[in-house]
C-alpha atoms as a PDB file:
ATOM      1  CA  MET A   1     -53.193 286.010 -31.749  1.00  0.00           C
ATOM      2  CA  ILE A   2     -54.162 282.426 -31.066  1.00  0.00           C
ATOM      3  CA  ALA A   3     -57.887 281.253 -31.261  1.00  0.00           C
ATOM      4  CA  LEU A   4     -58.807 278.212 -29.760  1.00  0.00           C
ATOM      5  CA  LYS A   5     -61.633 277.152 -32.150  1.00  0.00           C
ATOM      6  CA  LYS A   6     -63.159 274.047 -33.851  1.00  0.00           C
ATOM      7  CA  LYS A   7     -61.291 273.058 -37.180  1.00  0.00           C
ATOM      8  CA  MET A   8     -63.883 274.514 -39.516  1.00  0.00           C
ATOM      9  CA  ASP A   9     -64.012 277.112 -41.998  1.00  0.00           C
ATOM     10  CA  ASN A  10     -66.413 279.213 -39.983  1.00  0.00           C
ATOM     11  CA  PRO A  11     -65.197 282.642 -39.205  1.00  0.00           C
ATOM     12  CA  ILE A  12     -65.012 283.711 -35.434  1.00  0.00           C
ATOM     13  CA  LYS A  13     -67.583 286.429 -34.534  1.00  0.00           C
ATOM     14  CA  ILE A  14     -67.270 288.399 -31.244  1.00  0.00           C
ATOM     15  CA  HIS A  15     -70.130 290.452 -29.894  1.00  0.00           C
ATOM     16  CA  LEU A  16     -68.904 293.291 -27.584  1.00  0.00           C
ATOM     17  CA  ILE A  17     -70.782 295.650 -25.512  1.00  0.00           C
ATOM     18  CA  ARG A  18     -69.181 299.089 -24.432  1.00  0.00           C
ATOM     19  CA  TYR A  19     -70.576 300.570 -21.096  1.00  0.00           C
ATOM     20  CA  THR A  20     -70.900 304.375 -21.483  1.00  0.00           C
ATOM     21  CA  GLY A  21     -72.555 307.231 -19.885  1.00  0.00           C
ATOM     22  CA  ASN A  22     -74.018 306.864 -16.359  1.00  0.00           C
ATOM     23  CA  HIS A  23     -73.713 302.992 -16.333  1.00  0.00           C
ATOM     24  CA  PRO A  24     -72.118 301.754 -13.098  1.00  0.00           C
ATOM     25  CA  VAL A  25     -69.370 299.940 -15.038  1.00  0.00           C
ATOM     26  CA  ALA A  26     -68.160 302.919 -16.711  1.00  0.00           C
ATOM     27  CA  SER A  27     -68.001 305.014 -13.566  1.00  0.00           C
ATOM     28  CA  VAL A  28     -66.277 302.151 -11.357  1.00  0.00           C
ATOM     29  CA  SER A  29     -63.808 300.684 -13.894  1.00  0.00           C
ATOM     30  CA  PRO A  30     -63.435 303.412 -16.883  1.00  0.00           C
ATOM     31  CA  ASP A  31     -60.547 301.308 -18.104  1.00  0.00           C
ATOM     32  CA  ARG A  32     -62.473 298.089 -18.532  1.00  0.00           C
ATOM     33  CA  VAL A  33     -65.508 299.372 -20.344  1.00  0.00           C
ATOM     34  CA  PHE A  34     -65.657 296.804 -23.005  1.00  0.00           C
ATOM     35  CA  GLU A  35     -67.225 293.093 -22.348  1.00  0.00           C
ATOM     36  CA  ILE A  36     -67.689 289.975 -24.476  1.00  0.00           C
ATOM     37  CA  VAL A  37     -71.233 289.022 -24.490  1.00  0.00           C
ATOM     38  CA  GLU A  38     -71.227 286.440 -27.012  1.00  0.00           C
ATOM     39  CA  MET A  39     -68.696 284.237 -29.208  1.00  0.00           C
ATOM     40  CA  GLU A  40     -69.512 282.297 -32.205  1.00  0.00           C
ATOM     41  CA  ASN A  41     -67.145 279.350 -33.543  1.00  0.00           C
ATOM     42  CA  ALA A  42     -64.767 280.186 -30.529  1.00  0.00           C
ATOM     43  CA  VAL A  43     -64.766 279.570 -26.824  1.00  0.00           C
ATOM     44  CA  VAL A  44     -61.607 281.384 -26.160  1.00  0.00           C
ATOM     45  CA  VAL A  45     -59.372 284.155 -27.788  1.00  0.00           C
ATOM     46  CA  ASP A  46     -56.073 285.203 -26.832  1.00  0.00           C
ATOM     47  CA  VAL A  47     -55.100 288.976 -26.714  1.00  0.00           C
ATOM     48  CA  ASN A  48     -51.868 290.975 -25.633  1.00  0.00           C
ATOM     49  CA  LYS A  49     -51.786 291.659 -21.927  1.00  0.00           C
ATOM     50  CA  GLN A  50     -49.662 294.599 -22.868  1.00  0.00           C
ATOM     51  CA  ALA A  51     -50.849 297.128 -25.235  1.00  0.00           C
ATOM     52  CA  LYS A  52     -47.552 298.297 -26.580  1.00  0.00           C
ATOM     53  CA  LYS A  53     -46.555 294.911 -27.994  1.00  0.00           C
ATOM     54  CA  GLU A  54     -47.515 293.894 -31.764  1.00  0.00           C
ATOM     55  CA  TYR A  55     -50.676 291.367 -31.816  1.00  0.00           C
ATOM     56  CA  GLY A  56     -49.759 288.072 -30.760  1.00  0.00           C
ATOM     57  CA  GLU A  57     -46.292 289.171 -28.951  1.00  0.00           C
ATOM     58  CA  GLY A  58     -45.477 289.236 -25.444  1.00  0.00           C
ATOM     59  CA  PRO A  59     -47.660 287.864 -22.585  1.00  0.00           C
ATOM     60  CA  GLN A  60     -51.177 286.794 -23.681  1.00  0.00           C
ATOM     61  CA  VAL A  61     -54.324 286.535 -21.856  1.00  0.00           C
ATOM     62  CA  SER A  62     -57.271 284.156 -22.637  1.00  0.00           C
ATOM     63  CA  CYS A  63     -60.794 286.012 -22.812  1.00  0.00           C
ATOM     64  CA  SER A  64     -64.094 284.611 -23.055  1.00  0.00           C
ATOM     65  CA  VAL A  65     -67.652 285.425 -22.891  1.00  0.00           C
ATOM     66  CA  GLY A  66     -68.077 287.643 -19.465  1.00  0.00           C
ATOM     67  CA  ASP A  67     -64.648 288.937 -19.393  1.00  0.00           C
ATOM     68  CA  ARG A  68     -64.025 292.810 -19.555  1.00  0.00           C
ATOM     69  CA  LEU A  69     -61.498 294.249 -22.014  1.00  0.00           C
ATOM     70  CA  SER A  70     -59.454 297.051 -22.205  1.00  0.00           C
ATOM     71  CA  ARG A  71     -59.753 299.547 -24.960  1.00  0.00           C
ATOM     72  CA  GLU A  72     -56.658 298.224 -26.465  1.00  0.00           C
ATOM     73  CA  GLN A  73     -57.609 294.555 -26.321  1.00  0.00           C
ATOM     74  CA  ALA A  74     -61.164 295.526 -27.747  1.00  0.00           C
ATOM     75  CA  ILE A  75     -59.324 297.067 -30.704  1.00  0.00           C
ATOM     76  CA  GLN A  76     -57.194 293.954 -31.260  1.00  0.00           C
ATOM     77  CA  ILE A  77     -60.176 291.798 -31.297  1.00  0.00           C
ATOM     78  CA  ALA A  78     -61.961 293.809 -33.900  1.00  0.00           C
ATOM     79  CA  ALA A  79     -58.831 293.980 -36.090  1.00  0.00           C
ATOM     80  CA  SER A  80     -58.654 290.072 -35.878  1.00  0.00           C
ATOM     81  CA  TYR A  81     -62.022 288.852 -35.966  1.00  0.00           C
ATOM     82  CA  GLN A  82     -65.751 289.745 -37.079  1.00  0.00           C
ATOM     83  CA  THR A  83     -66.867 291.948 -34.444  1.00  0.00           C
ATOM     84  CA  THR A  84     -69.989 293.563 -33.291  1.00  0.00           C
ATOM     85  CA  LEU A  85     -70.231 296.569 -30.607  1.00  0.00           C
ATOM     86  CA  THR A  86     -73.057 297.715 -28.847  1.00  0.00           C
ATOM     87  CA  SER A  87     -73.427 300.581 -26.579  1.00  0.00           C
ATOM     88  CA  VAL A  88     -75.017 300.278 -23.247  1.00  0.00           C
ATOM     89  CA  SER A  89     -75.586 303.402 -21.083  1.00  0.00           C
ATOM     90  CA  SER A  90     -77.966 302.179 -18.556  1.00  0.00           C
ATOM     91  CA  ALA A  91     -78.005 299.285 -16.024  1.00  0.00           C
ATOM     92  CA  GLU A  92     -81.499 298.398 -16.733  1.00  0.00           C
ATOM     93  CA  LEU A  93     -80.434 297.736 -20.353  1.00  0.00           C
ATOM     94  CA  THR A  94     -77.754 295.239 -19.307  1.00  0.00           C
ATOM     95  CA  ALA A  95     -80.182 293.058 -17.592  1.00  0.00           C
ATOM     96  CA  THR A  96     -82.511 292.688 -20.749  1.00  0.00           C
ATOM     97  CA  ARG A  97     -79.332 292.147 -23.064  1.00  0.00           C
ATOM     98  CA  THR A  98     -78.048 289.207 -21.167  1.00  0.00           C
ATOM     99  CA  PRO A  99     -78.636 285.839 -22.959  1.00  0.00           C
ATOM    100  CA  ARG A 100     -80.780 283.547 -20.689  1.00  0.00           C
ATOM    101  CA  VAL A 101     -78.301 280.707 -20.934  1.00  0.00           C
ATOM    102  CA  LEU A 102     -75.884 282.682 -18.789  1.00  0.00           C
ATOM    103  CA  LEU A 103     -78.312 283.203 -15.895  1.00  0.00           C
ATOM    104  CA  LYS A 104     -78.200 280.823 -13.158  1.00  0.00           C
ATOM    105  CA  ASP A 105     -81.586 279.551 -11.860  1.00  0.00           C
END
C-alpha cells in the first residue's frame, strides 16, 4: 500500500466511521458502510480494488476523506495505519460528527 504523505516521521492516522443499524447508508449500501472522516499526516492512501489480492498488489484505488470503503478495504487500512473506528447508527449523529471545515457555506 502506498501512502502519499509528507516526508516526516509522523505516523498516518485514519479516522473511520461505520454506519450501522437503521442508518440510511447501512440500508442503501450495505457493502460500503465504512467512511473516512479524518486523516492526519496524509491526503490520500491507496488500497486494493480487489479484496482477494495481497496488500499493495493488483489494481489500487486512491481514497481520501469522504470516501466510502468496503469491509476489506477498511481492514486493510486498519492493518496498515493507526486507525480509529466509530459506529454511527442514526442519521442525526452523522450531521453532528461532520467537521465544520467540510461543510459548504
